[in-house]
């Protein structure tokens, strides 16, 4: 059986931070390693792998992950003390079947006898999203979500602004990257994520996609390191008043994608401004499973739950719609 190694960030009730390496058991790293980012920087400096660097810092102190998760002491898989040094972005229409829901949203604005832009982009990905070695594949859809201020962890509330048309879940994988001192993007691993978007705004006009993505996103506690499984299967669920409102399986991993992860990475990091040393990038790989495609309308108090092996812990977040605020621009 394949061993799946995960890194987690822990904060004690006193505020002390430690990193956990989890496999068959879960153990704390040395207190000097206070973040996954610090561990990754050490691995780069030593020309070592993240796993070997974690093992070199391992203690005999064991951790009950489920208990720490329930107590709210596990942070999201990555963070940075300067939120401006974190970039959240992603790619859509990357999964087999992902065009169906998007195409339905955009059909009303297009001639039924012609393909929508979404369908054309999806088909380009199916044809050229997994290029051979040394080749450049089809360019995917790309969007910006925000900086580290838009990133929340397990158990935290996802806030939708008052002007939002809805607050909809997007269960998927997110790649976590640290830019090395020489500008090299290093993939640290992947984490379970709820990319969280406004599908009503997007449905109105697909040119509003950029607006619909400027929302928070939730990251799971576990950073899966090493090779990314090609076939990951999970469940996405919405609960209301303690009862399941909607539930559906979702598929991810390259076996279920129209683009290779390497192709998505190439088209993101080909821009030099995304290779600033010391920055953290969180890149959402996309999904094909959305409750909005089944006409679900979320509201404050609903609870999103995402789970998928080999991640041992779920990602659960309540939803809240914020009150309206007035923004005034003043001239100087």
C-alpha atoms as a PDB file:
ATOM      1  CA  UNK A   1       0.000   0.000   0.000  1.00  0.00           C
ATOM      2  CA  UNK A   2       1.307   3.438  -0.950  1.00  0.00           C
ATOM      3  CA  UNK A   3       2.289   5.608   1.976  1.00  0.00           C
ATOM      4  CA  UNK A   4       0.799   9.098   1.700  1.00  0.00           C
ATOM      5  CA  UNK A   5       2.806  11.656   3.636  1.00  0.00           C
ATOM      6  CA  UNK A   6       1.191  14.892   4.781  1.00  0.00           C
ATOM      7  CA  UNK A   7       2.460  18.007   6.494  1.00  0.00           C
ATOM      8  CA  UNK A   8       0.229  20.016   8.821  1.00  0.00           C
ATOM      9  CA  UNK A   9       0.618  23.296  10.698  1.00  0.00           C
ATOM     10  CA  UNK A  10      -0.344  23.240  14.382  1.00  0.00           C
ATOM     11  CA  UNK A  11      -0.908  26.103  16.789  1.00  0.00           C
ATOM     12  CA  UNK A  12      -1.228  25.415  20.497  1.00  0.00           C
ATOM     13  CA  UNK A  13      -3.667  27.219  22.759  1.00  0.00           C
ATOM     14  CA  UNK A  14      -0.700  29.306  23.917  1.00  0.00           C
ATOM     15  CA  UNK A  15      -0.026  30.379  20.338  1.00  0.00           C
ATOM     16  CA  UNK A  16       3.100  28.283  19.770  1.00  0.00           C
ATOM     17  CA  UNK A  17       3.405  26.907  16.238  1.00  0.00           C
ATOM     18  CA  UNK A  18       4.777  23.518  15.192  1.00  0.00           C
ATOM     19  CA  UNK A  19       4.737  21.412  12.026  1.00  0.00           C
ATOM     20  CA  UNK A  20       3.429  17.831  11.966  1.00  0.00           C
ATOM     21  CA  UNK A  21       4.522  15.009   9.660  1.00  0.00           C
ATOM     22  CA  UNK A  22       1.745  12.454   9.225  1.00  0.00           C
ATOM     23  CA  UNK A  23       1.952   8.996   7.681  1.00  0.00           C
ATOM     24  CA  UNK A  24       0.931   5.895   9.601  1.00  0.00           C
ATOM     25  CA  UNK A  25       1.180   8.078  12.685  1.00  0.00           C
ATOM     26  CA  UNK A  26       1.555  11.812  13.225  1.00  0.00           C
ATOM     27  CA  UNK A  27       4.561  13.365  14.945  1.00  0.00           C
ATOM     28  CA  UNK A  28       5.726  16.881  15.644  1.00  0.00           C
ATOM     29  CA  UNK A  29       8.864  18.366  14.120  1.00  0.00           C
ATOM     30  CA  UNK A  30      11.440  20.266  16.148  1.00  0.00           C
ATOM     31  CA  UNK A  31      10.101  23.507  17.709  1.00  0.00           C
ATOM     32  CA  UNK A  32      12.546  25.480  15.546  1.00  0.00           C
ATOM     33  CA  UNK A  33      10.393  24.602  12.507  1.00  0.00           C
ATOM     34  CA  UNK A  34       7.327  26.792  13.015  1.00  0.00           C
ATOM     35  CA  UNK A  35       5.825  26.637   9.510  1.00  0.00           C
ATOM     36  CA  UNK A  36       5.712  24.584   6.345  1.00  0.00           C
ATOM     37  CA  UNK A  37       7.208  27.582   4.567  1.00  0.00           C
ATOM     38  CA  UNK A  38      10.248  27.507   6.872  1.00  0.00           C
ATOM     39  CA  UNK A  39      10.619  23.753   6.362  1.00  0.00           C
ATOM     40  CA  UNK A  40      10.473  24.201   2.583  1.00  0.00           C
ATOM     41  CA  UNK A  41      13.092  26.963   2.680  1.00  0.00           C
ATOM     42  CA  UNK A  42      15.383  24.640   4.628  1.00  0.00           C
ATOM     43  CA  UNK A  43      14.805  21.827   2.109  1.00  0.00           C
ATOM     44  CA  UNK A  44      15.701  24.119  -0.801  1.00  0.00           C
ATOM     45  CA  UNK A  45      18.824  25.369   0.971  1.00  0.00           C
ATOM     46  CA  UNK A  46      19.978  21.796   1.662  1.00  0.00           C
ATOM     47  CA  UNK A  47      19.043  20.520  -1.831  1.00  0.00           C
ATOM     48  CA  UNK A  48      16.885  17.923  -0.107  1.00  0.00           C
ATOM     49  CA  UNK A  49      13.290  16.765  -0.504  1.00  0.00           C
ATOM     50  CA  UNK A  50      10.546  18.100   1.726  1.00  0.00           C
ATOM     51  CA  UNK A  51       9.952  14.606   3.167  1.00  0.00           C
ATOM     52  CA  UNK A  52      13.622  13.978   3.985  1.00  0.00           C
ATOM     53  CA  UNK A  53      13.930  17.413   5.549  1.00  0.00           C
ATOM     54  CA  UNK A  54      10.863  16.754   7.677  1.00  0.00           C
ATOM     55  CA  UNK A  55      12.256  13.385   8.762  1.00  0.00           C
ATOM     56  CA  UNK A  56      15.546  15.034   9.733  1.00  0.00           C
ATOM     57  CA  UNK A  57      13.603  17.337  12.075  1.00  0.00           C
ATOM     58  CA  UNK A  58      11.242  14.694  13.462  1.00  0.00           C
ATOM     59  CA  UNK A  59      10.676  14.203  17.210  1.00  0.00           C
ATOM     60  CA  UNK A  60       9.031  11.362  19.147  1.00  0.00           C
ATOM     61  CA  UNK A  61       6.072  13.586  20.113  1.00  0.00           C
ATOM     62  CA  UNK A  62       2.904  12.063  18.662  1.00  0.00           C
ATOM     63  CA  UNK A  63      -0.288  13.928  17.812  1.00  0.00           C
ATOM     64  CA  UNK A  64      -3.930  12.860  17.573  1.00  0.00           C
ATOM     65  CA  UNK A  65      -4.895  14.629  14.328  1.00  0.00           C
ATOM     66  CA  UNK A  66      -8.647  14.163  14.714  1.00  0.00           C
ATOM     67  CA  UNK A  67      -8.600  15.574  18.235  1.00  0.00           C
ATOM     68  CA  UNK A  68      -6.488  18.562  17.214  1.00  0.00           C
ATOM     69  CA  UNK A  69      -8.721  19.172  14.202  1.00  0.00           C
ATOM     70  CA  UNK A  70     -11.862  19.108  16.364  1.00  0.00           C
ATOM     71  CA  UNK A  71     -10.203  21.487  18.825  1.00  0.00           C
ATOM     72  CA  UNK A  72      -9.453  23.966  16.031  1.00  0.00           C
ATOM     73  CA  UNK A  73      -5.698  23.810  16.516  1.00  0.00           C
ATOM     74  CA  UNK A  74      -4.815  22.874  12.918  1.00  0.00           C
ATOM     75  CA  UNK A  75      -4.158  25.757  10.526  1.00  0.00           C
ATOM     76  CA  UNK A  76      -4.492  25.769   6.752  1.00  0.00           C
ATOM     77  CA  UNK A  77      -1.748  23.893   4.925  1.00  0.00           C
ATOM     78  CA  UNK A  78       0.319  26.998   4.101  1.00  0.00           C
ATOM     79  CA  UNK A  79       0.527  30.643   5.159  1.00  0.00           C
ATOM     80  CA  UNK A  80       2.890  33.592   5.218  1.00  0.00           C
ATOM     81  CA  UNK A  81       3.317  36.315   7.872  1.00  0.00           C
ATOM     82  CA  UNK A  82       2.892  38.902   5.092  1.00  0.00           C
ATOM     83  CA  UNK A  83      -0.450  38.267   3.362  1.00  0.00           C
ATOM     84  CA  UNK A  84       0.671  40.353   0.379  1.00  0.00           C
ATOM     85  CA  UNK A  85       3.294  37.691  -0.394  1.00  0.00           C
ATOM     86  CA  UNK A  86       0.608  35.053  -1.056  1.00  0.00           C
ATOM     87  CA  UNK A  87      -1.121  34.824  -4.425  1.00  0.00           C
ATOM     88  CA  UNK A  88      -4.346  32.900  -4.950  1.00  0.00           C
ATOM     89  CA  UNK A  89      -5.127  32.027  -8.569  1.00  0.00           C
ATOM     90  CA  UNK A  90      -6.539  29.123 -10.515  1.00  0.00           C
ATOM     91  CA  UNK A  91      -7.612  27.515 -13.743  1.00  0.00           C
ATOM     92  CA  UNK A  92     -11.071  26.380 -14.812  1.00  0.00           C
ATOM     93  CA  UNK A  93     -12.486  23.971 -17.401  1.00  0.00           C
ATOM     94  CA  UNK A  94      -9.656  21.595 -16.542  1.00  0.00           C
ATOM     95  CA  UNK A  95     -11.624  18.455 -15.664  1.00  0.00           C
ATOM     96  CA  UNK A  96     -13.383  15.974 -17.900  1.00  0.00           C
ATOM     97  CA  UNK A  97     -17.040  16.921 -17.674  1.00  0.00           C
ATOM     98  CA  UNK A  98     -16.313  20.386 -16.291  1.00  0.00           C
ATOM     99  CA  UNK A  99     -17.704  22.105 -19.374  1.00  0.00           C
ATOM    100  CA  UNK A 100     -21.252  20.839 -18.868  1.00  0.00           C
ATOM    101  CA  UNK A 101     -22.220  23.061 -15.942  1.00  0.00           C
ATOM    102  CA  UNK A 102     -20.391  26.082 -17.348  1.00  0.00           C
ATOM    103  CA  UNK A 103     -21.929  25.562 -20.782  1.00  0.00           C
ATOM    104  CA  UNK A 104     -25.421  25.520 -19.286  1.00  0.00           C
ATOM    105  CA  UNK A 105     -24.740  28.841 -17.602  1.00  0.00           C
ATOM    106  CA  UNK A 106     -23.591  30.473 -20.814  1.00  0.00           C
ATOM    107  CA  UNK A 107     -26.032  28.967 -23.331  1.00  0.00           C
ATOM    108  CA  UNK A 108     -28.601  31.663 -22.683  1.00  0.00           C
ATOM    109  CA  UNK A 109     -26.151  34.283 -23.888  1.00  0.00           C
ATOM    110  CA  UNK A 110     -25.058  32.406 -27.000  1.00  0.00           C
ATOM    111  CA  UNK A 111     -26.530  31.171 -30.242  1.00  0.00           C
ATOM    112  CA  UNK A 112     -27.652  27.614 -29.530  1.00  0.00           C
ATOM    113  CA  UNK A 113     -26.239  26.501 -32.894  1.00  0.00           C
ATOM    114  CA  UNK A 114     -22.712  27.567 -31.954  1.00  0.00           C
ATOM    115  CA  UNK A 115     -20.318  26.501 -29.250  1.00  0.00           C
ATOM    116  CA  UNK A 116     -19.916  28.843 -26.317  1.00  0.00           C
ATOM    117  CA  UNK A 117     -16.460  30.215 -25.535  1.00  0.00           C
ATOM    118  CA  UNK A 118     -16.412  27.892 -22.529  1.00  0.00           C
ATOM    119  CA  UNK A 119     -17.009  24.810 -24.648  1.00  0.00           C
ATOM    120  CA  UNK A 120     -14.361  25.853 -27.164  1.00  0.00           C
ATOM    121  CA  UNK A 121     -11.798  26.343 -24.415  1.00  0.00           C
ATOM    122  CA  UNK A 122     -12.718  23.027 -22.819  1.00  0.00           C
ATOM    123  CA  UNK A 123     -12.312  21.171 -26.112  1.00  0.00           C
ATOM    124  CA  UNK A 124      -8.949  22.840 -26.714  1.00  0.00           C
ATOM    125  CA  UNK A 125      -7.871  21.454 -23.358  1.00  0.00           C
ATOM    126  CA  UNK A 126      -9.149  17.961 -24.176  1.00  0.00           C
ATOM    127  CA  UNK A 127      -7.151  18.046 -27.409  1.00  0.00           C
ATOM    128  CA  UNK A 128      -3.969  19.703 -26.220  1.00  0.00           C
ATOM    129  CA  UNK A 129      -3.987  19.980 -22.419  1.00  0.00           C
ATOM    130  CA  UNK A 130      -1.605  17.071 -21.849  1.00  0.00           C
ATOM    131  CA  UNK A 131       1.383  17.729 -24.116  1.00  0.00           C
ATOM    132  CA  UNK A 132       4.384  15.448 -24.448  1.00  0.00           C
ATOM    133  CA  UNK A 133       7.676  16.096 -22.700  1.00  0.00           C
ATOM    134  CA  UNK A 134       9.253  19.345 -23.823  1.00  0.00           C
ATOM    135  CA  UNK A 135       6.088  20.563 -25.525  1.00  0.00           C
ATOM    136  CA  UNK A 136       3.782  23.429 -24.581  1.00  0.00           C
ATOM    137  CA  UNK A 137       0.134  22.473 -24.273  1.00  0.00           C
ATOM    138  CA  UNK A 138      -3.110  24.358 -24.693  1.00  0.00           C
ATOM    139  CA  UNK A 139      -3.442  27.486 -22.587  1.00  0.00           C
ATOM    140  CA  UNK A 140      -6.149  27.078 -19.910  1.00  0.00           C
ATOM    141  CA  UNK A 141      -8.595  29.585 -18.539  1.00  0.00           C
ATOM    142  CA  UNK A 142      -6.937  31.533 -15.711  1.00  0.00           C
ATOM    143  CA  UNK A 143      -8.297  33.677 -12.908  1.00  0.00           C
ATOM    144  CA  UNK A 144      -7.083  35.673  -9.910  1.00  0.00           C
ATOM    145  CA  UNK A 145      -8.696  35.261  -6.477  1.00  0.00           C
ATOM    146  CA  UNK A 146      -6.736  37.489  -4.142  1.00  0.00           C
ATOM    147  CA  UNK A 147      -3.840  37.482  -1.717  1.00  0.00           C
ATOM    148  CA  UNK A 148      -3.377  35.817   1.662  1.00  0.00           C
ATOM    149  CA  UNK A 149      -6.208  37.850   3.182  1.00  0.00           C
ATOM    150  CA  UNK A 150      -8.634  35.778   1.100  1.00  0.00           C
ATOM    151  CA  UNK A 151      -7.334  32.461   2.455  1.00  0.00           C
ATOM    152  CA  UNK A 152      -9.004  30.747   5.414  1.00  0.00           C
ATOM    153  CA  UNK A 153      -8.467  27.409   7.125  1.00  0.00           C
ATOM    154  CA  UNK A 154     -10.562  24.435   8.214  1.00  0.00           C
ATOM    155  CA  UNK A 155     -13.519  25.381  10.386  1.00  0.00           C
ATOM    156  CA  UNK A 156     -13.295  29.094   9.539  1.00  0.00           C
ATOM    157  CA  UNK A 157     -16.297  30.901   8.093  1.00  0.00           C
ATOM    158  CA  UNK A 158     -16.456  31.611   4.361  1.00  0.00           C
ATOM    159  CA  UNK A 159     -17.761  35.148   3.964  1.00  0.00           C
ATOM    160  CA  UNK A 160     -19.650  36.200   0.847  1.00  0.00           C
ATOM    161  CA  UNK A 161     -20.037  39.956   0.335  1.00  0.00           C
ATOM    162  CA  UNK A 162     -23.520  41.413   0.518  1.00  0.00           C
ATOM    163  CA  UNK A 163     -23.465  42.208  -3.209  1.00  0.00           C
ATOM    164  CA  UNK A 164     -22.774  38.569  -4.148  1.00  0.00           C
ATOM    165  CA  UNK A 165     -25.335  36.675  -6.184  1.00  0.00           C
ATOM    166  CA  UNK A 166     -24.513  33.506  -4.271  1.00  0.00           C
ATOM    167  CA  UNK A 167     -21.773  31.709  -2.376  1.00  0.00           C
ATOM    168  CA  UNK A 168     -21.037  28.420  -4.091  1.00  0.00           C
ATOM    169  CA  UNK A 169     -18.587  25.654  -3.245  1.00  0.00           C
ATOM    170  CA  UNK A 170     -15.928  24.312  -5.612  1.00  0.00           C
ATOM    171  CA  UNK A 171     -14.292  21.128  -4.272  1.00  0.00           C
ATOM    172  CA  UNK A 172     -10.833  20.666  -5.725  1.00  0.00           C
ATOM    173  CA  UNK A 173      -7.107  20.361  -5.259  1.00  0.00           C
ATOM    174  CA  UNK A 174      -4.861  23.369  -4.811  1.00  0.00           C
ATOM    175  CA  UNK A 175      -1.150  23.275  -5.580  1.00  0.00           C
ATOM    176  CA  UNK A 176       1.102  25.025  -3.050  1.00  0.00           C
ATOM    177  CA  UNK A 177       4.316  26.670  -4.307  1.00  0.00           C
ATOM    178  CA  UNK A 178       7.242  28.567  -2.849  1.00  0.00           C
ATOM    179  CA  UNK A 179       9.378  30.711  -5.150  1.00  0.00           C
ATOM    180  CA  UNK A 180      13.059  30.070  -4.445  1.00  0.00           C
ATOM    181  CA  UNK A 181      15.707  32.755  -4.132  1.00  0.00           C
ATOM    182  CA  UNK A 182      16.727  32.186  -7.767  1.00  0.00           C
ATOM    183  CA  UNK A 183      13.133  32.525  -9.000  1.00  0.00           C
ATOM    184  CA  UNK A 184      12.475  28.779  -9.293  1.00  0.00           C
ATOM    185  CA  UNK A 185       8.882  27.779  -8.451  1.00  0.00           C
ATOM    186  CA  UNK A 186       8.945  24.789  -6.078  1.00  0.00           C
ATOM    187  CA  UNK A 187       5.790  22.729  -5.694  1.00  0.00           C
ATOM    188  CA  UNK A 188       5.513  21.782  -2.030  1.00  0.00           C
ATOM    189  CA  UNK A 189       2.448  19.596  -2.497  1.00  0.00           C
ATOM    190  CA  UNK A 190      -1.311  19.771  -2.871  1.00  0.00           C
ATOM    191  CA  UNK A 191      -4.115  20.350  -0.421  1.00  0.00           C
ATOM    192  CA  UNK A 192      -7.865  19.871  -0.358  1.00  0.00           C
ATOM    193  CA  UNK A 193      -9.614  23.155  -1.124  1.00  0.00           C
ATOM    194  CA  UNK A 194     -12.959  24.883  -1.466  1.00  0.00           C
ATOM    195  CA  UNK A 195     -12.330  27.501  -4.130  1.00  0.00           C
ATOM    196  CA  UNK A 196     -15.698  29.232  -3.413  1.00  0.00           C
ATOM    197  CA  UNK A 197     -17.147  31.394  -6.175  1.00  0.00           C
ATOM    198  CA  UNK A 198     -20.210  33.406  -7.152  1.00  0.00           C
ATOM    199  CA  UNK A 199     -21.870  31.396  -9.902  1.00  0.00           C
ATOM    200  CA  UNK A 200     -24.931  33.645 -10.182  1.00  0.00           C
ATOM    201  CA  UNK A 201     -22.710  36.601 -11.074  1.00  0.00           C
ATOM    202  CA  UNK A 202     -20.822  34.487 -13.596  1.00  0.00           C
ATOM    203  CA  UNK A 203     -24.029  33.123 -15.106  1.00  0.00           C
ATOM    204  CA  UNK A 204     -25.260  36.654 -15.826  1.00  0.00           C
ATOM    205  CA  UNK A 205     -22.353  37.241 -18.206  1.00  0.00           C
ATOM    206  CA  UNK A 206     -19.253  35.099 -18.547  1.00  0.00           C
ATOM    207  CA  UNK A 207     -17.177  38.287 -18.825  1.00  0.00           C
ATOM    208  CA  UNK A 208     -17.984  38.727 -15.136  1.00  0.00           C
ATOM    209  CA  UNK A 209     -15.988  35.598 -14.300  1.00  0.00           C
ATOM    210  CA  UNK A 210     -13.205  37.806 -12.946  1.00  0.00           C
ATOM    211  CA  UNK A 211     -15.664  39.409 -10.503  1.00  0.00           C
ATOM    212  CA  UNK A 212     -17.167  36.075  -9.487  1.00  0.00           C
ATOM    213  CA  UNK A 213     -13.765  34.724  -8.416  1.00  0.00           C
ATOM    214  CA  UNK A 214     -12.847  37.597  -6.081  1.00  0.00           C
ATOM    215  CA  UNK A 215     -13.990  35.702  -3.020  1.00  0.00           C
ATOM    216  CA  UNK A 216     -12.393  33.886  -0.127  1.00  0.00           C
ATOM    217  CA  UNK A 217     -11.124  30.320  -0.440  1.00  0.00           C
ATOM    218  CA  UNK A 218     -10.715  27.605   2.191  1.00  0.00           C
ATOM    219  CA  UNK A 219      -7.677  25.329   2.382  1.00  0.00           C
ATOM    220  CA  UNK A 220      -7.494  22.022   4.192  1.00  0.00           C
ATOM    221  CA  UNK A 221      -5.084  21.287   7.011  1.00  0.00           C
ATOM    222  CA  UNK A 222      -3.071  18.637   5.175  1.00  0.00           C
ATOM    223  CA  UNK A 223      -0.386  19.250   2.571  1.00  0.00           C
ATOM    224  CA  UNK A 224       0.016  16.043   0.583  1.00  0.00           C
ATOM    225  CA  UNK A 225       3.679  15.828  -0.435  1.00  0.00           C
ATOM    226  CA  UNK A 226       5.440  13.684  -2.998  1.00  0.00           C
ATOM    227  CA  UNK A 227       3.737  12.292  -6.092  1.00  0.00           C
ATOM    228  CA  UNK A 228       0.165  13.470  -6.663  1.00  0.00           C
ATOM    229  CA  UNK A 229      -2.247  10.516  -7.054  1.00  0.00           C
ATOM    230  CA  UNK A 230      -3.716  10.389 -10.538  1.00  0.00           C
ATOM    231  CA  UNK A 231      -7.185   9.412  -9.372  1.00  0.00           C
ATOM    232  CA  UNK A 232      -8.648  11.136  -6.308  1.00  0.00           C
ATOM    233  CA  UNK A 233     -12.299  10.555  -5.426  1.00  0.00           C
ATOM    234  CA  UNK A 234     -14.210  12.418  -2.788  1.00  0.00           C
ATOM    235  CA  UNK A 235     -17.541  13.790  -1.670  1.00  0.00           C
ATOM    236  CA  UNK A 236     -18.837  17.357  -1.635  1.00  0.00           C
ATOM    237  CA  UNK A 237     -21.726  18.086   0.718  1.00  0.00           C
ATOM    238  CA  UNK A 238     -23.851  21.029   1.864  1.00  0.00           C
ATOM    239  CA  UNK A 239     -25.642  20.800   5.199  1.00  0.00           C
ATOM    240  CA  UNK A 240     -28.434  23.044   6.434  1.00  0.00           C
ATOM    241  CA  UNK A 241     -29.849  23.002   9.950  1.00  0.00           C
ATOM    242  CA  UNK A 242     -27.922  19.827  10.677  1.00  0.00           C
ATOM    243  CA  UNK A 243     -29.321  17.917   7.687  1.00  0.00           C
ATOM    244  CA  UNK A 244     -27.764  17.144   4.304  1.00  0.00           C
ATOM    245  CA  UNK A 245     -29.164  19.544   1.703  1.00  0.00           C
ATOM    246  CA  UNK A 246     -27.039  18.315  -1.226  1.00  0.00           C
ATOM    247  CA  UNK A 247     -24.329  15.717  -1.704  1.00  0.00           C
ATOM    248  CA  UNK A 248     -22.381  14.526  -4.701  1.00  0.00           C
ATOM    249  CA  UNK A 249     -19.134  12.656  -5.458  1.00  0.00           C
ATOM    250  CA  UNK A 250     -16.327  14.502  -7.204  1.00  0.00           C
ATOM    251  CA  UNK A 251     -13.277  13.338  -9.110  1.00  0.00           C
ATOM    252  CA  UNK A 252      -9.909  15.000  -9.455  1.00  0.00           C
ATOM    253  CA  UNK A 253      -6.294  14.085 -10.164  1.00  0.00           C
ATOM    254  CA  UNK A 254      -4.767  13.970 -13.652  1.00  0.00           C
ATOM    255  CA  UNK A 255      -6.645  10.799 -14.668  1.00  0.00           C
ATOM    256  CA  UNK A 256      -9.838  12.840 -14.426  1.00  0.00           C
ATOM    257  CA  UNK A 257      -8.481  16.043 -15.937  1.00  0.00           C
ATOM    258  CA  UNK A 258      -8.247  17.386 -19.470  1.00  0.00           C
ATOM    259  CA  UNK A 259      -5.022  19.222 -18.583  1.00  0.00           C
ATOM    260  CA  UNK A 260      -1.904  17.886 -16.942  1.00  0.00           C
ATOM    261  CA  UNK A 261      -0.868  19.632 -13.760  1.00  0.00           C
ATOM    262  CA  UNK A 262       2.495  20.388 -15.387  1.00  0.00           C
ATOM    263  CA  UNK A 263       0.686  22.217 -18.192  1.00  0.00           C
ATOM    264  CA  UNK A 264      -1.322  24.309 -15.731  1.00  0.00           C
ATOM    265  CA  UNK A 265       1.876  25.136 -13.853  1.00  0.00           C
ATOM    266  CA  UNK A 266       3.757  26.104 -17.006  1.00  0.00           C
ATOM    267  CA  UNK A 267       1.071  28.541 -18.123  1.00  0.00           C
ATOM    268  CA  UNK A 268       0.955  30.152 -14.675  1.00  0.00           C
ATOM    269  CA  UNK A 269       4.651  30.475 -13.959  1.00  0.00           C
ATOM    270  CA  UNK A 270       5.651  31.489 -17.491  1.00  0.00           C
ATOM    271  CA  UNK A 271       4.939  35.045 -16.335  1.00  0.00           C
ATOM    272  CA  UNK A 272       8.056  36.424 -14.652  1.00  0.00           C
ATOM    273  CA  UNK A 273       6.019  38.566 -12.249  1.00  0.00           C
ATOM    274  CA  UNK A 274       4.778  35.294 -10.709  1.00  0.00           C
ATOM    275  CA  UNK A 275       8.328  34.223  -9.876  1.00  0.00           C
ATOM    276  CA  UNK A 276       9.260  36.738  -7.180  1.00  0.00           C
ATOM    277  CA  UNK A 277      11.584  35.071  -4.645  1.00  0.00           C
ATOM    278  CA  UNK A 278       9.946  34.267  -1.318  1.00  0.00           C
ATOM    279  CA  UNK A 279       6.349  34.421  -2.529  1.00  0.00           C
ATOM    280  CA  UNK A 280       3.796  31.696  -1.875  1.00  0.00           C
ATOM    281  CA  UNK A 281       1.385  30.709  -4.654  1.00  0.00           C
ATOM    282  CA  UNK A 282      -1.840  28.785  -4.135  1.00  0.00           C
ATOM    283  CA  UNK A 283      -3.141  27.531  -7.469  1.00  0.00           C
ATOM    284  CA  UNK A 284      -6.582  25.931  -7.723  1.00  0.00           C
ATOM    285  CA  UNK A 285      -6.706  23.143 -10.306  1.00  0.00           C
ATOM    286  CA  UNK A 286     -10.481  23.207 -10.962  1.00  0.00           C
ATOM    287  CA  UNK A 287     -13.478  20.933 -10.509  1.00  0.00           C
ATOM    288  CA  UNK A 288     -16.368  19.398 -12.420  1.00  0.00           C
ATOM    289  CA  UNK A 289     -18.829  19.208  -9.494  1.00  0.00           C
ATOM    290  CA  UNK A 290     -20.941  22.208  -8.477  1.00  0.00           C
ATOM    291  CA  UNK A 291     -24.162  22.344  -6.472  1.00  0.00           C
ATOM    292  CA  UNK A 292     -25.315  25.345  -8.522  1.00  0.00           C
ATOM    293  CA  UNK A 293     -25.621  23.001 -11.524  1.00  0.00           C
ATOM    294  CA  UNK A 294     -28.371  21.266  -9.524  1.00  0.00           C
ATOM    295  CA  UNK A 295     -30.066  24.615  -8.773  1.00  0.00           C
ATOM    296  CA  UNK A 296     -28.981  24.742  -5.139  1.00  0.00           C
ATOM    297  CA  UNK A 297     -29.176  28.208  -3.608  1.00  0.00           C
ATOM    298  CA  UNK A 298     -26.994  28.624  -0.528  1.00  0.00           C
ATOM    299  CA  UNK A 299     -27.684  30.921   2.402  1.00  0.00           C
ATOM    300  CA  UNK A 300     -26.060  32.040   5.639  1.00  0.00           C
ATOM    301  CA  UNK A 301     -25.647  29.189   8.082  1.00  0.00           C
ATOM    302  CA  UNK A 302     -25.139  26.501   5.434  1.00  0.00           C
ATOM    303  CA  UNK A 303     -22.093  24.304   5.950  1.00  0.00           C
ATOM    304  CA  UNK A 304     -19.765  23.088   3.189  1.00  0.00           C
ATOM    305  CA  UNK A 305     -18.028  19.754   3.732  1.00  0.00           C
ATOM    306  CA  UNK A 306     -15.390  18.275   1.404  1.00  0.00           C
ATOM    307  CA  UNK A 307     -13.582  14.998   1.976  1.00  0.00           C
ATOM    308  CA  UNK A 308     -11.364  12.854  -0.227  1.00  0.00           C
ATOM    309  CA  UNK A 309      -8.776  10.152   0.380  1.00  0.00           C
ATOM    310  CA  UNK A 310      -5.808  10.128   0.759  1.00  0.00           C
ATOM    311  CA  UNK A 311      -6.507  13.198   2.914  1.00  0.00           C
ATOM    312  CA  UNK A 312      -7.425  11.926   6.376  1.00  0.00           C
ATOM    313  CA  UNK A 313      -9.267  15.043   7.484  1.00  0.00           C
ATOM    314  CA  UNK A 314     -12.266  16.790   5.916  1.00  0.00           C
ATOM    315  CA  UNK A 315     -12.507  20.455   5.003  1.00  0.00           C
ATOM    316  CA  UNK A 316     -15.617  21.950   6.578  1.00  0.00           C
ATOM    317  CA  UNK A 317     -16.593  25.628   6.593  1.00  0.00           C
ATOM    318  CA  UNK A 318     -19.821  27.465   7.452  1.00  0.00           C
ATOM    319  CA  UNK A 319     -21.134  30.171   5.104  1.00  0.00           C
ATOM    320  CA  UNK A 320     -22.117  33.726   6.022  1.00  0.00           C
ATOM    321  CA  UNK A 321     -23.263  36.633   3.869  1.00  0.00           C
ATOM    322  CA  UNK A 322     -21.849  39.923   5.097  1.00  0.00           C
ATOM    323  CA  UNK A 323     -23.900  43.046   5.628  1.00  0.00           C
ATOM    324  CA  UNK A 324     -23.758  45.726   2.954  1.00  0.00           C
ATOM    325  CA  UNK A 325     -21.161  48.438   3.329  1.00  0.00           C
ATOM    326  CA  UNK A 326     -20.750  51.787   1.618  1.00  0.00           C
ATOM    327  CA  UNK A 327     -17.398  52.594   0.049  1.00  0.00           C
ATOM    328  CA  UNK A 328     -16.644  56.251  -0.556  1.00  0.00           C
ATOM    329  CA  UNK A 329     -13.815  57.429  -2.780  1.00  0.00           C
ATOM    330  CA  UNK A 330     -12.447  60.825  -1.786  1.00  0.00           C
ATOM    331  CA  UNK A 331     -10.409  63.198  -3.901  1.00  0.00           C
ATOM    332  CA  UNK A 332      -7.230  64.688  -2.476  1.00  0.00           C
END
